[in-house]
Structure formats: structure tokens, C-alpha cells
Amino acid sequence: MRRLAGRATPEIARPGALREALLGGGIGLGFILVSLLLISAC
């Protein structure tokens, strides 16, 4: 982003960004698993 838009990226460089990204990935995976369970149950 720094090269493309020519600006800093404070939204991804802050402390805790890795934890939030992993949490978001876990929540997304949970939604996918619940959807698969509902589809297979029907």
C-alpha cells in the first residue's frame, strides 16, 4: 500500500493486528463450518 497509494498503513501496523487477523479468520472458518453442517443436515 505504501508503494501503490503513497501513504503509510497504520491500520495494519498497529500492535495486536496479528491477533485480530487470526480471530477474524477463526470466526470466518466457524461460519463456513456451520454452513457446511447445515447443508449436510438438510
PDB file of N, CA and C in Angstrom:
ATOM      1  N   MET A   1       0.828  -1.189   0.000  1.00  0.00           N
ATOM      2  CA  MET A   1       0.000   0.000   0.000  1.00  0.00           C
ATOM      3  C   MET A   1       0.870   1.249   0.000  1.00  0.00           C
ATOM      4  N   ARG A   2       1.986   1.145   0.658  1.00  0.00           N
ATOM      5  CA  ARG A   2       2.868   2.304   0.718  1.00  0.00           C
ATOM      6  C   ARG A   2       3.323   2.694  -0.677  1.00  0.00           C
ATOM      7  N   ARG A   3       3.651   1.690  -1.522  1.00  0.00           N
ATOM      8  CA  ARG A   3       4.099   1.993  -2.882  1.00  0.00           C
ATOM      9  C   ARG A   3       2.932   2.342  -3.792  1.00  0.00           C
ATOM     10  N   LEU A   4       1.816   1.670  -3.629  1.00  0.00           N
ATOM     11  CA  LEU A   4       0.678   1.858  -4.516  1.00  0.00           C
ATOM     12  C   LEU A   4      -0.017   3.204  -4.287  1.00  0.00           C
ATOM     13  N   ALA A   5      -0.380   3.477  -3.053  1.00  0.00           N
ATOM     14  CA  ALA A   5      -1.124   4.704  -2.752  1.00  0.00           C
ATOM     15  C   ALA A   5      -0.238   5.828  -2.242  1.00  0.00           C
ATOM     16  N   GLY A   6       0.989   5.494  -1.887  1.00  0.00           N
ATOM     17  CA  GLY A   6       1.894   6.525  -1.404  1.00  0.00           C
ATOM     18  C   GLY A   6       1.561   7.034  -0.017  1.00  0.00           C
ATOM     19  N   ARG A   7       1.026   6.174   0.810  1.00  0.00           N
ATOM     20  CA  ARG A   7       0.700   6.575   2.181  1.00  0.00           C
ATOM     21  C   ARG A   7       1.112   5.476   3.147  1.00  0.00           C
ATOM     22  N   ALA A   8       1.179   5.823   4.410  1.00  0.00           N
ATOM     23  CA  ALA A   8       1.504   4.855   5.449  1.00  0.00           C
ATOM     24  C   ALA A   8       0.313   3.932   5.683  1.00  0.00           C
ATOM     25  N   THR A   9       0.550   2.809   6.343  1.00  0.00           N
ATOM     26  CA  THR A   9      -0.529   1.858   6.626  1.00  0.00           C
ATOM     27  C   THR A   9      -0.631   1.609   8.127  1.00  0.00           C
ATOM     28  N   PRO A  10      -1.096   2.590   8.876  1.00  0.00           N
ATOM     29  CA  PRO A  10      -1.195   2.400  10.331  1.00  0.00           C
ATOM     30  C   PRO A  10      -2.268   1.401  10.733  1.00  0.00           C
ATOM     31  N   GLU A  11      -3.237   1.126   9.855  1.00  0.00           N
ATOM     32  CA  GLU A  11      -4.308   0.200  10.221  1.00  0.00           C
ATOM     33  C   GLU A  11      -3.828  -1.238  10.312  1.00  0.00           C
ATOM     34  N   ILE A  12      -2.713  -1.581   9.660  1.00  0.00           N
ATOM     35  CA  ILE A  12      -2.210  -2.944   9.755  1.00  0.00           C
ATOM     36  C   ILE A  12      -0.897  -3.025  10.512  1.00  0.00           C
ATOM     37  N   ALA A  13      -0.322  -1.907  10.878  1.00  0.00           N
ATOM     38  CA  ALA A  13       0.968  -1.914  11.553  1.00  0.00           C
ATOM     39  C   ALA A  13       0.831  -1.720  13.060  1.00  0.00           C
ATOM     40  N   ARG A  14      -0.361  -1.704  13.560  1.00  0.00           N
ATOM     41  CA  ARG A  14      -0.531  -1.441  14.987  1.00  0.00           C
ATOM     42  C   ARG A  14      -0.385  -2.708  15.810  1.00  0.00           C
ATOM     43  N   PRO A  15      -0.099  -2.561  17.073  1.00  0.00           N
ATOM     44  CA  PRO A  15       0.020  -3.744  17.940  1.00  0.00           C
ATOM     45  C   PRO A  15      -1.309  -4.494  18.031  1.00  0.00           C
ATOM     46  N   GLY A  16      -1.247  -5.802  18.003  1.00  0.00           N
ATOM     47  CA  GLY A  16      -2.456  -6.609  18.102  1.00  0.00           C
ATOM     48  C   GLY A  16      -3.083  -6.946  16.765  1.00  0.00           C
ATOM     49  N   ALA A  17      -2.485  -6.489  15.667  1.00  0.00           N
ATOM     50  CA  ALA A  17      -3.080  -6.746  14.352  1.00  0.00           C
ATOM     51  C   ALA A  17      -3.073  -8.234  14.025  1.00  0.00           C
ATOM     52  N   LEU A  18      -2.023  -8.940  14.407  1.00  0.00           N
ATOM     53  CA  LEU A  18      -1.957 -10.376  14.141  1.00  0.00           C
ATOM     54  C   LEU A  18      -3.049 -11.113  14.900  1.00  0.00           C
ATOM     55  N   ARG A  19      -3.252 -10.755  16.154  1.00  0.00           N
ATOM     56  CA  ARG A  19      -4.297 -11.390  16.963  1.00  0.00           C
ATOM     57  C   ARG A  19      -5.672 -11.143  16.350  1.00  0.00           C
ATOM     58  N   GLU A  20      -5.928  -9.922  15.896  1.00  0.00           N
ATOM     59  CA  GLU A  20      -7.219  -9.606  15.294  1.00  0.00           C
ATOM     60  C   GLU A  20      -7.409 -10.322  13.966  1.00  0.00           C
ATOM     61  N   ALA A  21      -6.343 -10.470  13.186  1.00  0.00           N
ATOM     62  CA  ALA A  21      -6.441 -11.186  11.915  1.00  0.00           C
ATOM     63  C   ALA A  21      -6.735 -12.665  12.158  1.00  0.00           C
ATOM     64  N   LEU A  22      -6.080 -13.256  13.138  1.00  0.00           N
ATOM     65  CA  LEU A  22      -6.338 -14.662  13.459  1.00  0.00           C
ATOM     66  C   LEU A  22      -7.746 -14.858  14.006  1.00  0.00           C
ATOM     67  N   LEU A  23      -8.201 -13.923  14.811  1.00  0.00           N
ATOM     68  CA  LEU A  23      -9.562 -14.001  15.341  1.00  0.00           C
ATOM     69  C   LEU A  23     -10.580 -13.901  14.206  1.00  0.00           C
ATOM     70  N   GLY A  24     -10.369 -12.993  13.281  1.00  0.00           N
ATOM     71  CA  GLY A  24     -11.266 -12.858  12.134  1.00  0.00           C
ATOM     72  C   GLY A  24     -11.270 -14.098  11.263  1.00  0.00           C
ATOM     73  N   GLY A  25     -10.088 -14.685  11.061  1.00  0.00           N
ATOM     74  CA  GLY A  25     -10.013 -15.922  10.290  1.00  0.00           C
ATOM     75  C   GLY A  25     -10.723 -17.065  10.984  1.00  0.00           C
ATOM     76  N   GLY A  26     -10.595 -17.138  12.302  1.00  0.00           N
ATOM     77  CA  GLY A  26     -11.280 -18.180  13.071  1.00  0.00           C
ATOM     78  C   GLY A  26     -12.788 -18.028  13.021  1.00  0.00           C
ATOM     79  N   ILE A  27     -13.255 -16.805  13.123  1.00  0.00           N
ATOM     80  CA  ILE A  27     -14.702 -16.559  13.043  1.00  0.00           C
ATOM     81  C   ILE A  27     -15.218 -16.914  11.650  1.00  0.00           C
ATOM     82  N   GLY A  28     -14.477 -16.528  10.624  1.00  0.00           N
ATOM     83  CA  GLY A  28     -14.874 -16.870   9.256  1.00  0.00           C
ATOM     84  C   GLY A  28     -14.916 -18.365   9.030  1.00  0.00           C
ATOM     85  N   LEU A  29     -13.909 -19.068   9.537  1.00  0.00           N
ATOM     86  CA  LEU A  29     -13.888 -20.524   9.417  1.00  0.00           C
ATOM     87  C   LEU A  29     -15.066 -21.145  10.164  1.00  0.00           C
ATOM     88  N   GLY A  30     -15.403 -20.588  11.310  1.00  0.00           N
ATOM     89  CA  GLY A  30     -16.559 -21.073  12.065  1.00  0.00           C
ATOM     90  C   GLY A  30     -17.854 -20.921  11.287  1.00  0.00           C
ATOM     91  N   PHE A  31     -18.026 -19.785  10.612  1.00  0.00           N
ATOM     92  CA  PHE A  31     -19.225 -19.585   9.794  1.00  0.00           C
ATOM     93  C   PHE A  31     -19.289 -20.583   8.651  1.00  0.00           C
ATOM     94  N   ILE A  32     -18.146 -20.845   8.030  1.00  0.00           N
ATOM     95  CA  ILE A  32     -18.114 -21.811   6.928  1.00  0.00           C
ATOM     96  C   ILE A  32     -18.476 -23.208   7.434  1.00  0.00           C
ATOM     97  N   LEU A  33     -17.938 -23.596   8.581  1.00  0.00           N
ATOM     98  CA  LEU A  33     -18.233 -24.917   9.138  1.00  0.00           C
ATOM     99  C   LEU A  33     -19.706 -25.062   9.509  1.00  0.00           C
ATOM    100  N   VAL A  34     -20.273 -24.030  10.093  1.00  0.00           N
ATOM    101  CA  VAL A  34     -21.700 -24.075  10.437  1.00  0.00           C
ATOM    102  C   VAL A  34     -22.543 -24.191   9.173  1.00  0.00           C
ATOM    103  N   SER A  35     -22.163 -23.461   8.126  1.00  0.00           N
ATOM    104  CA  SER A  35     -22.898 -23.544   6.859  1.00  0.00           C
ATOM    105  C   SER A  35     -22.811 -24.950   6.276  1.00  0.00           C
ATOM    106  N   LEU A  36     -21.622 -25.546   6.311  1.00  0.00           N
ATOM    107  CA  LEU A  36     -21.471 -26.899   5.792  1.00  0.00           C
ATOM    108  C   LEU A  36     -22.292 -27.904   6.599  1.00  0.00           C
ATOM    109  N   LEU A  37     -22.324 -27.735   7.902  1.00  0.00           N
ATOM    110  CA  LEU A  37     -23.129 -28.635   8.737  1.00  0.00           C
ATOM    111  C   LEU A  37     -24.611 -28.498   8.428  1.00  0.00           C
ATOM    112  N   LEU A  38     -25.071 -27.277   8.232  1.00  0.00           N
ATOM    113  CA  LEU A  38     -26.494 -27.072   7.916  1.00  0.00           C
ATOM    114  C   LEU A  38     -26.827 -27.641   6.555  1.00  0.00           C
ATOM    115  N   ILE A  39     -25.938 -27.468   5.582  1.00  0.00           N
ATOM    116  CA  ILE A  39     -26.195 -28.011   4.243  1.00  0.00           C
ATOM    117  C   ILE A  39     -26.234 -29.529   4.286  1.00  0.00           C
ATOM    118  N   SER A  40     -25.284 -30.139   4.999  1.00  0.00           N
ATOM    119  CA  SER A  40     -25.260 -31.591   5.045  1.00  0.00           C
ATOM    120  C   SER A  40     -26.423 -32.151   5.866  1.00  0.00           C
ATOM    121  N   ALA A  41     -26.930 -31.408   6.825  1.00  0.00           N
ATOM    122  CA  ALA A  41     -28.075 -31.860   7.613  1.00  0.00           C
ATOM    123  C   ALA A  41     -29.365 -31.830   6.788  1.00  0.00           C
ATOM    124  N   CYS A  42     -29.436 -30.917   5.871  1.00  0.00           N
ATOM    125  CA  CYS A  42     -30.655 -30.818   5.025  1.00  0.00           C
ATOM    126  C   CYS A  42     -30.552 -31.805   3.887  1.00  0.00           C
TER     127      CYS A  42
END
